[in-house]
C-alpha atoms as a PDB file:
ATOM      1  CA  MET A   1     -10.939   5.630   7.753  1.00  0.00           C
ATOM      2  CA  ARG A   2      -8.976   4.729  10.876  1.00  0.00           C
ATOM      3  CA  ARG A   3      -6.128   3.455   8.717  1.00  0.00           C
ATOM      4  CA  LEU A   4      -5.736   6.893   7.138  1.00  0.00           C
ATOM      5  CA  PHE A   5      -4.801   8.420  10.496  1.00  0.00           C
ATOM      6  CA  ARG A   6      -2.569   5.720  11.925  1.00  0.00           C
ATOM      7  CA  ILE A   7       1.040   6.724  12.591  1.00  0.00           C
ATOM      8  CA  ARG A   8       3.309   5.819   9.637  1.00  0.00           C
ATOM      9  CA  GLU A   9       0.609   3.628   8.149  1.00  0.00           C
ATOM     10  CA  ASP A  10       0.663   3.390   4.352  1.00  0.00           C
ATOM     11  CA  ILE A  11      -2.455   4.508   2.462  1.00  0.00           C
ATOM     12  CA  PRO A  12      -3.763   3.574  -1.014  1.00  0.00           C
ATOM     13  CA  ARG A  13      -2.062   5.446  -3.841  1.00  0.00           C
ATOM     14  CA  PRO A  14      -5.321   6.914  -5.271  1.00  0.00           C
ATOM     15  CA  ILE A  15      -6.205   8.415  -1.892  1.00  0.00           C
ATOM     16  CA  TYR A  16      -2.709   9.864  -1.529  1.00  0.00           C
ATOM     17  CA  LEU A  17      -2.915  11.532  -4.946  1.00  0.00           C
ATOM     18  CA  ALA A  18      -6.459  12.773  -4.306  1.00  0.00           C
ATOM     19  CA  VAL A  19      -5.481  14.432  -1.016  1.00  0.00           C
ATOM     20  CA  ALA A  20      -2.349  15.962  -2.572  1.00  0.00           C
ATOM     21  CA  THR A  21      -4.408  17.368  -5.456  1.00  0.00           C
ATOM     22  CA  PHE A  22      -7.024  18.714  -3.062  1.00  0.00           C
ATOM     23  CA  SER A  23      -4.407  20.577  -1.006  1.00  0.00           C
ATOM     24  CA  LEU A  24      -3.108  22.337  -4.132  1.00  0.00           C
ATOM     25  CA  LEU A  25      -6.608  23.137  -5.397  1.00  0.00           C
ATOM     26  CA  LEU A  26      -7.495  24.572  -1.992  1.00  0.00           C
ATOM     27  CA  ILE A  27      -4.719  27.149  -2.334  1.00  0.00           C
ATOM     28  CA  LEU A  28      -5.956  28.042  -5.817  1.00  0.00           C
ATOM     29  CA  VAL A  29      -9.559  28.398  -4.612  1.00  0.00           C
ATOM     30  CA  ILE A  30      -8.486  30.709  -1.780  1.00  0.00           C
ATOM     31  CA  TRP A  31      -6.485  32.806  -4.250  1.00  0.00           C
ATOM     32  CA  ILE A  32      -9.429  33.008  -6.652  1.00  0.00           C
ATOM     33  CA  GLY A  33     -11.798  33.977  -3.863  1.00  0.00           C
ATOM     34  CA  LEU A  34      -9.577  36.698  -2.413  1.00  0.00           C
ATOM     35  CA  SER A  35      -8.583  38.224  -5.752  1.00  0.00           C
ATOM     36  CA  TYR A  36     -11.829  38.138  -7.749  1.00  0.00           C
ATOM     37  CA  ALA A  37     -13.910  39.240  -4.770  1.00  0.00           C
ATOM     38  CA  ARG A  38     -11.516  42.200  -4.351  1.00  0.00           C
ATOM     39  CA  LEU A  39     -10.978  41.298  -0.705  1.00  0.00           C
ATOM     40  CA  VAL A  40      -7.332  42.158  -1.346  1.00  0.00           C
ATOM     41  CA  ASP A  41      -6.192  45.119  -3.440  1.00  0.00           C
ATOM     42  CA  PRO A  42      -5.091  43.939  -6.957  1.00  0.00           C
ATOM     43  CA  LEU A  43      -1.803  45.782  -6.383  1.00  0.00           C
ATOM     44  CA  PHE A  44      -0.967  43.204  -3.702  1.00  0.00           C
ATOM     45  CA  LEU A  45      -2.786  40.151  -5.085  1.00  0.00           C
ATOM     46  CA  PRO A  46      -3.625  40.047  -8.810  1.00  0.00           C
ATOM     47  CA  THR A  47      -6.078  37.474 -10.117  1.00  0.00           C
ATOM     48  CA  PRO A  48      -4.973  34.140 -11.601  1.00  0.00           C
ATOM     49  CA  GLY A  49      -6.183  35.494 -14.958  1.00  0.00           C
ATOM     50  CA  ASP A  50      -3.773  38.437 -14.711  1.00  0.00           C
ATOM     51  CA  VAL A  51      -0.882  36.102 -13.921  1.00  0.00           C
ATOM     52  CA  LEU A  52      -1.804  33.782 -16.790  1.00  0.00           C
ATOM     53  CA  GLY A  53      -1.916  36.805 -19.083  1.00  0.00           C
ATOM     54  CA  LYS A  54       1.610  37.752 -18.052  1.00  0.00           C
ATOM     55  CA  ALA A  55       2.717  34.182 -18.600  1.00  0.00           C
ATOM     56  CA  GLY A  56       1.270  34.212 -22.106  1.00  0.00           C
ATOM     57  CA  ASN A  57       3.082  37.465 -22.926  1.00  0.00           C
ATOM     58  CA  GLU A  58       6.427  36.235 -21.605  1.00  0.00           C
ATOM     59  CA  ILE A  59       6.096  32.882 -23.357  1.00  0.00           C
ATOM     60  CA  GLY A  60       5.208  34.668 -26.579  1.00  0.00           C
ATOM     61  CA  ASP A  61       8.237  36.959 -26.588  1.00  0.00           C
ATOM     62  CA  GLY A  62      10.573  34.289 -25.214  1.00  0.00           C
ATOM     63  CA  THR A  63      11.348  36.122 -21.965  1.00  0.00           C
ATOM     64  CA  LEU A  64      10.124  33.328 -19.710  1.00  0.00           C
ATOM     65  CA  TRP A  65      12.143  30.637 -21.504  1.00  0.00           C
ATOM     66  CA  SER A  66      15.263  32.802 -21.405  1.00  0.00           C
ATOM     67  CA  ASP A  67      14.929  33.491 -17.670  1.00  0.00           C
ATOM     68  CA  MET A  68      14.158  29.859 -16.896  1.00  0.00           C
ATOM     69  CA  GLY A  69      17.149  28.706 -18.932  1.00  0.00           C
ATOM     70  CA  ALA A  70      19.505  31.077 -17.130  1.00  0.00           C
ATOM     71  CA  SER A  71      18.246  30.076 -13.677  1.00  0.00           C
ATOM     72  CA  VAL A  72      18.200  26.330 -14.359  1.00  0.00           C
ATOM     73  CA  TYR A  73      21.741  26.504 -15.769  1.00  0.00           C
ATOM     74  CA  ARG A  74      22.992  28.337 -12.668  1.00  0.00           C
ATOM     75  CA  ILE A  75      21.183  26.101 -10.188  1.00  0.00           C
ATOM     76  CA  GLY A  76      22.327  22.957 -11.964  1.00  0.00           C
ATOM     77  CA  LEU A  77      25.985  23.917 -12.219  1.00  0.00           C
ATOM     78  CA  GLY A  78      26.173  25.540  -8.786  1.00  0.00           C
ATOM     79  CA  PHE A  79      24.521  22.607  -7.033  1.00  0.00           C
ATOM     80  CA  LEU A  80      26.726  20.130  -8.908  1.00  0.00           C
ATOM     81  CA  ILE A  81      29.905  21.944  -7.844  1.00  0.00           C
ATOM     82  CA  SER A  82      28.716  22.130  -4.231  1.00  0.00           C
ATOM     83  CA  THR A  83      27.780  18.443  -4.173  1.00  0.00           C
ATOM     84  CA  LEU A  84      31.049  17.284  -5.752  1.00  0.00           C
ATOM     85  CA  PHE A  85      32.895  18.906  -2.843  1.00  0.00           C
ATOM     86  CA  ALA A  86      30.356  18.118  -0.111  1.00  0.00           C
ATOM     87  CA  ILE A  87      30.106  14.344  -0.639  1.00  0.00           C
ATOM     88  CA  PRO A  88      33.821  13.420  -0.220  1.00  0.00           C
ATOM     89  CA  VAL A  89      34.332  15.906   2.621  1.00  0.00           C
ATOM     90  CA  GLY A  90      31.155  14.724   4.361  1.00  0.00           C
ATOM     91  CA  VAL A  91      32.173  11.067   4.001  1.00  0.00           C
ATOM     92  CA  ILE A  92      35.607  11.803   5.482  1.00  0.00           C
ATOM     93  CA  MET A  93      34.086  13.753   8.372  1.00  0.00           C
ATOM     94  CA  GLY A  94      31.563  11.021   9.115  1.00  0.00           C
ATOM     95  CA  SER A  95      34.105   8.199   8.881  1.00  0.00           C
ATOM     96  CA  TYR A  96      37.171   9.638  10.601  1.00  0.00           C
ATOM     97  CA  LYS A  97      37.223  11.658  13.831  1.00  0.00           C
ATOM     98  CA  ILE A  98      40.438  13.335  12.696  1.00  0.00           C
ATOM     99  CA  GLY A  99      38.608  14.529   9.588  1.00  0.00           C
ATOM    100  CA  GLU A 100      35.688  15.803  11.649  1.00  0.00           C
ATOM    101  CA  SER A 101      38.027  17.683  14.011  1.00  0.00           C
ATOM    102  CA  PHE A 102      39.801  19.305  11.059  1.00  0.00           C
ATOM    103  CA  PHE A 103      36.835  20.301   8.897  1.00  0.00           C
ATOM    104  CA  GLU A 104      33.961  20.922  11.307  1.00  0.00           C
ATOM    105  CA  PRO A 105      35.181  24.079  13.137  1.00  0.00           C
ATOM    106  CA  PRO A 106      35.679  26.224   9.990  1.00  0.00           C
ATOM    107  CA  ILE A 107      32.533  24.789   8.382  1.00  0.00           C
ATOM    108  CA  ASP A 108      30.477  25.555  11.502  1.00  0.00           C
ATOM    109  CA  LEU A 109      31.911  29.065  11.569  1.00  0.00           C
ATOM    110  CA  ILE A 110      31.091  29.845   7.942  1.00  0.00           C
ATOM    111  CA  ARG A 111      27.662  28.196   7.845  1.00  0.00           C
ATOM    112  CA  TYR A 112      26.355  30.687  10.414  1.00  0.00           C
ATOM    113  CA  MET A 113      27.402  33.579   8.189  1.00  0.00           C
ATOM    114  CA  PRO A 114      24.431  34.621   5.995  1.00  0.00           C
ATOM    115  CA  ALA A 115      25.109  33.939   2.328  1.00  0.00           C
ATOM    116  CA  VAL A 116      23.366  37.229   1.527  1.00  0.00           C
ATOM    117  CA  ALA A 117      26.147  39.089   3.330  1.00  0.00           C
ATOM    118  CA  PHE A 118      28.665  37.652   0.863  1.00  0.00           C
ATOM    119  CA  VAL A 119      26.927  39.156  -2.193  1.00  0.00           C
ATOM    120  CA  PRO A 120      28.869  42.475  -2.112  1.00  0.00           C
ATOM    121  CA  LEU A 121      32.126  40.596  -1.503  1.00  0.00           C
ATOM    122  CA  ALA A 122      31.389  38.132  -4.287  1.00  0.00           C
ATOM    123  CA  ILE A 123      30.781  41.005  -6.708  1.00  0.00           C
ATOM    124  CA  LEU A 124      34.052  42.576  -5.581  1.00  0.00           C
ATOM    125  CA  TRP A 125      35.973  39.312  -5.907  1.00  0.00           C
ATOM    126  CA  VAL A 126      34.651  37.850  -9.164  1.00  0.00           C
ATOM    127  CA  GLY A 127      32.453  40.520 -10.773  1.00  0.00           C
ATOM    128  CA  THR A 128      28.777  40.387 -11.657  1.00  0.00           C
ATOM    129  CA  GLY A 129      28.730  37.446 -14.073  1.00  0.00           C
ATOM    130  CA  ASP A 130      27.612  33.873 -13.521  1.00  0.00           C
ATOM    131  CA  THR A 131      30.689  33.168 -11.397  1.00  0.00           C
ATOM    132  CA  GLU A 132      29.280  35.437  -8.680  1.00  0.00           C
ATOM    133  CA  LYS A 133      25.958  33.556  -8.707  1.00  0.00           C
ATOM    134  CA  LEU A 134      27.755  30.200  -8.530  1.00  0.00           C
ATOM    135  CA  LEU A 135      29.882  31.430  -5.628  1.00  0.00           C
ATOM    136  CA  ILE A 136      26.818  32.522  -3.640  1.00  0.00           C
ATOM    137  CA  LEU A 137      25.173  29.175  -4.394  1.00  0.00           C
ATOM    138  CA  PHE A 138      28.265  27.350  -3.138  1.00  0.00           C
ATOM    139  CA  ILE A 139      28.490  29.411   0.053  1.00  0.00           C
ATOM    140  CA  GLY A 140      24.800  29.003   0.777  1.00  0.00           C
ATOM    141  CA  THR A 141      24.622  25.268   0.042  1.00  0.00           C
ATOM    142  CA  PHE A 142      27.956  23.524   0.650  1.00  0.00           C
ATOM    143  CA  PHE A 143      28.398  24.217   4.353  1.00  0.00           C
ATOM    144  CA  GLN A 144      24.901  22.977   5.223  1.00  0.00           C
ATOM    145  CA  GLU A 145      25.063  20.067   2.810  1.00  0.00           C
ATOM    146  CA  VAL A 146      28.377  18.692   4.035  1.00  0.00           C
ATOM    147  CA  LEU A 147      27.209  18.458   7.669  1.00  0.00           C
ATOM    148  CA  LEU A 148      24.046  16.605   6.694  1.00  0.00           C
ATOM    149  CA  ILE A 149      26.107  14.158   4.628  1.00  0.00           C
ATOM    150  CA  MET A 150      28.396  13.667   7.627  1.00  0.00           C
ATOM    151  CA  ASP A 151      25.327  12.731   9.705  1.00  0.00           C
ATOM    152  CA  ASN A 152      24.188  10.315   6.966  1.00  0.00           C
ATOM    153  CA  VAL A 153      27.554   8.562   7.146  1.00  0.00           C
ATOM    154  CA  LYS A 154      27.515   8.460  10.955  1.00  0.00           C
ATOM    155  CA  ALA A 155      24.102   6.765  10.809  1.00  0.00           C
ATOM    156  CA  VAL A 156      25.677   3.637   9.273  1.00  0.00           C
ATOM    157  CA  PRO A 157      25.506   0.960  12.013  1.00  0.00           C
ATOM    158  CA  ARG A 158      28.818   0.181  13.627  1.00  0.00           C
ATOM    159  CA  THR A 159      27.992  -3.528  13.394  1.00  0.00           C
ATOM    160  CA  LEU A 160      28.198  -3.377   9.582  1.00  0.00           C
ATOM    161  CA  ILE A 161      31.692  -1.931   9.827  1.00  0.00           C
ATOM    162  CA  ASN A 162      32.777  -4.555  12.355  1.00  0.00           C
ATOM    163  CA  VAL A 163      31.420  -7.361  10.179  1.00  0.00           C
ATOM    164  CA  ALA A 164      33.358  -5.960   7.221  1.00  0.00           C
ATOM    165  CA  TYR A 165      36.564  -5.999   9.272  1.00  0.00           C
ATOM    166  CA  THR A 166      35.762  -9.565  10.352  1.00  0.00           C
ATOM    167  CA  PHE A 167      35.659 -10.621   6.702  1.00  0.00           C
ATOM    168  CA  GLY A 168      39.121  -9.150   6.217  1.00  0.00           C
ATOM    169  CA  LEU A 169      38.272  -5.961   4.315  1.00  0.00           C
ATOM    170  CA  ARG A 170      40.817  -3.175   4.430  1.00  0.00           C
ATOM    171  CA  GLN A 171      39.946   0.341   5.539  1.00  0.00           C
ATOM    172  CA  TRP A 172      39.508   1.737   2.045  1.00  0.00           C
ATOM    173  CA  GLU A 173      37.375  -1.268   1.125  1.00  0.00           C
ATOM    174  CA  VAL A 174      35.165  -0.752   4.174  1.00  0.00           C
ATOM    175  CA  LEU A 175      34.802   2.888   3.202  1.00  0.00           C
ATOM    176  CA  LEU A 176      33.915   2.264  -0.444  1.00  0.00           C
ATOM    177  CA  ARG A 177      32.056  -1.046  -0.205  1.00  0.00           C
ATOM    178  CA  VAL A 178      30.207  -0.664   3.116  1.00  0.00           C
ATOM    179  CA  ILE A 179      30.000   2.904   4.425  1.00  0.00           C
ATOM    180  CA  VAL A 180      29.316   4.721   1.142  1.00  0.00           C
ATOM    181  CA  PRO A 181      26.645   2.285  -0.146  1.00  0.00           C
ATOM    182  CA  ALA A 182      24.928   2.149   3.256  1.00  0.00           C
ATOM    183  CA  SER A 183      24.809   5.932   3.576  1.00  0.00           C
ATOM    184  CA  LEU A 184      23.835   6.588  -0.057  1.00  0.00           C
ATOM    185  CA  PRO A 185      20.028   6.601   0.500  1.00  0.00           C
ATOM    186  CA  GLY A 186      20.417   9.247   3.186  1.00  0.00           C
ATOM    187  CA  ILE A 187      22.778  11.255   0.997  1.00  0.00           C
ATOM    188  CA  VAL A 188      20.304  11.286  -1.911  1.00  0.00           C
ATOM    189  CA  ASP A 189      17.581  12.465   0.471  1.00  0.00           C
ATOM    190  CA  THR A 190      19.943  15.166   1.747  1.00  0.00           C
ATOM    191  CA  LEU A 191      20.559  16.356  -1.814  1.00  0.00           C
ATOM    192  CA  ARG A 192      16.792  16.600  -2.374  1.00  0.00           C
ATOM    193  CA  ILE A 193      16.395  18.792   0.704  1.00  0.00           C
ATOM    194  CA  THR A 194      19.388  21.028   0.062  1.00  0.00           C
ATOM    195  CA  MET A 195      18.266  21.621  -3.524  1.00  0.00           C
ATOM    196  CA  GLY A 196      15.415  23.656  -2.052  1.00  0.00           C
ATOM    197  CA  TRP A 197      17.906  25.808  -0.172  1.00  0.00           C
ATOM    198  CA  ALA A 198      19.948  26.244  -3.339  1.00  0.00           C
ATOM    199  CA  TRP A 199      16.938  27.784  -5.134  1.00  0.00           C
ATOM    200  CA  THR A 200      16.627  30.329  -2.319  1.00  0.00           C
ATOM    201  CA  TYR A 201      20.244  31.407  -2.635  1.00  0.00           C
ATOM    202  CA  LEU A 202      20.033  31.505  -6.414  1.00  0.00           C
ATOM    203  CA  VAL A 203      17.149  33.978  -6.296  1.00  0.00           C
ATOM    204  CA  VAL A 204      19.093  36.076  -3.776  1.00  0.00           C
ATOM    205  CA  ALA A 205      22.097  36.115  -6.118  1.00  0.00           C
ATOM    206  CA  GLU A 206      19.928  37.053  -9.107  1.00  0.00           C
ATOM    207  CA  LEU A 207      18.251  39.919  -7.268  1.00  0.00           C
ATOM    208  CA  VAL A 208      21.528  41.855  -7.305  1.00  0.00           C
ATOM    209  CA  ALA A 209      23.665  42.719 -10.318  1.00  0.00           C
ATOM    210  CA  ALA A 210      21.990  40.324 -12.759  1.00  0.00           C
ATOM    211  CA  GLU A 211      20.719  40.759 -16.305  1.00  0.00           C
ATOM    212  CA  SER A 212      18.719  37.540 -16.635  1.00  0.00           C
ATOM    213  CA  GLY A 213      17.069  34.861 -14.551  1.00  0.00           C
ATOM    214  CA  LEU A 214      13.831  34.482 -12.630  1.00  0.00           C
ATOM    215  CA  GLY A 215      15.157  36.390  -9.619  1.00  0.00           C
ATOM    216  CA  PHE A 216      16.218  39.265 -11.862  1.00  0.00           C
ATOM    217  CA  ARG A 217      12.760  39.357 -13.472  1.00  0.00           C
ATOM    218  CA  ILE A 218      11.087  39.479 -10.057  1.00  0.00           C
ATOM    219  CA  MET A 219      13.317  42.393  -9.017  1.00  0.00           C
ATOM    220  CA  GLN A 220      12.595  44.285 -12.233  1.00  0.00           C
ATOM    221  CA  ALA A 221       8.855  43.781 -11.744  1.00  0.00           C
ATOM    222  CA  GLU A 222       9.075  45.101  -8.179  1.00  0.00           C
ATOM    223  CA  ARG A 223      10.453  48.424  -9.423  1.00  0.00           C
ATOM    224  CA  TYR A 224       7.364  48.948 -11.558  1.00  0.00           C
ATOM    225  CA  LEU A 225       4.899  47.491  -9.020  1.00  0.00           C
ATOM    226  CA  ASP A 226       4.115  44.697 -11.504  1.00  0.00           C
ATOM    227  CA  THR A 227       2.786  42.223  -8.951  1.00  0.00           C
ATOM    228  CA  ALA A 228       1.491  39.774 -11.562  1.00  0.00           C
ATOM    229  CA  THR A 229       4.997  39.302 -12.982  1.00  0.00           C
ATOM    230  CA  MET A 230       6.424  38.875  -9.488  1.00  0.00           C
ATOM    231  CA  ILE A 231       3.888  36.175  -8.625  1.00  0.00           C
ATOM    232  CA  LEU A 232       4.514  34.508 -11.993  1.00  0.00           C
ATOM    233  CA  GLY A 233       8.237  34.321 -11.220  1.00  0.00           C
ATOM    234  CA  VAL A 234       7.594  32.871  -7.772  1.00  0.00           C
ATOM    235  CA  LEU A 235       5.172  30.279  -9.174  1.00  0.00           C
ATOM    236  CA  VAL A 236       7.601  29.228 -11.914  1.00  0.00           C
ATOM    237  CA  ILE A 237      10.362  28.767  -9.329  1.00  0.00           C
ATOM    238  CA  GLY A 238       7.980  26.703  -7.207  1.00  0.00           C
ATOM    239  CA  LEU A 239       6.982  24.522 -10.178  1.00  0.00           C
ATOM    240  CA  LEU A 240      10.600  23.965 -11.217  1.00  0.00           C
ATOM    241  CA  GLY A 241      11.485  23.066  -7.643  1.00  0.00           C
ATOM    242  CA  LEU A 242       8.541  20.665  -7.466  1.00  0.00           C
ATOM    243  CA  ILE A 243       9.638  18.945 -10.680  1.00  0.00           C
ATOM    244  CA  ILE A 244      13.195  18.550  -9.375  1.00  0.00           C
ATOM    245  CA  ASP A 245      11.858  17.238  -6.067  1.00  0.00           C
ATOM    246  CA  PHE A 246       9.804  14.591  -7.891  1.00  0.00           C
ATOM    247  CA  ILE A 247      12.873  13.610  -9.923  1.00  0.00           C
ATOM    248  CA  PHE A 248      14.833  13.052  -6.712  1.00  0.00           C
ATOM    249  CA  LYS A 249      11.975  10.991  -5.276  1.00  0.00           C
ATOM    250  CA  ILE A 250      11.858   8.835  -8.403  1.00  0.00           C
ATOM    251  CA  ILE A 251      15.623   8.302  -8.260  1.00  0.00           C
ATOM    252  CA  TYR A 252      15.345   7.356  -4.590  1.00  0.00           C
ATOM    253  CA  ALA A 253      12.489   4.912  -5.203  1.00  0.00           C
ATOM    254  CA  ARG A 254      14.208   3.272  -8.193  1.00  0.00           C
ATOM    255  CA  CYS A 255      17.687   3.031  -6.664  1.00  0.00           C
ATOM    256  CA  PHE A 256      16.697   2.088  -3.098  1.00  0.00           C
ATOM    257  CA  PRO A 257      13.428   0.104  -3.223  1.00  0.00           C
ATOM    258  CA  TYR A 258      14.453  -1.783  -0.074  1.00  0.00           C
ATOM    259  CA  MET A 259      14.237   1.453   1.964  1.00  0.00           C
ATOM    260  CA  ARG A 260      10.476   1.560   1.516  1.00  0.00           C
ATOM    261  CA  THR A 261      10.192  -1.769   3.329  1.00  0.00           C
ATOM    262  CA  GLN A 262      12.559  -0.691   6.097  1.00  0.00           C
ATOM    263  CA  ASN A 263      10.791   2.632   6.658  1.00  0.00           C
ATOM    264  CA  GLY A 264       7.312   1.194   6.357  1.00  0.00           C
END
């Protein structure tokens, strides 16, 4: 038992999974208790049965699949565009002080501007189609993502760079063969974290001027006080996010098995 509560001590896999399952079941039990005992008005907290009923209806008529498809397409494309820009800019900023001095001031300025405030401007600039959603995703994700990637690159030990120079590598070789590979585990972890932020901004974008998507469905349900549909949308977003998070963790474990030993 003492081993379970030691700082950064590894625990058996079965115990880890059992505790993780228990934490999720605890939330479900609390929900069941509050809703079925009518301790909370059904208008504010419907029962799990009500939410499952809504899920069955939306699966049956195809609404849920359509909304999920629209949201996953937007989150995938928007996050990909953001990442394709953030990685090279972040690597430049973390490797060269001149790059940091050029990029960081405008990035710091814009990242403190709420992405929600850009929604009316985005609609004015590019209309109400998917381009507007992708723009909000980019604004909300890129400027945070690029600074975290810069920090990942700066975390590469200076000794590795000096050793590379000692072996006669040129600057571009040091960048591509030493700095990028050494910072890649941190970058993948950064992408996993920022994906969660991207889902937040996607829902914000879909709440306004949308005709499909999970955020749109939640907004429509709010107008009719359909709490079960709202909770269903939130749960589906959470499940999709959890699946993506597990995918990132699997990629990390498969691509960087040596990190487990270093962090252990």
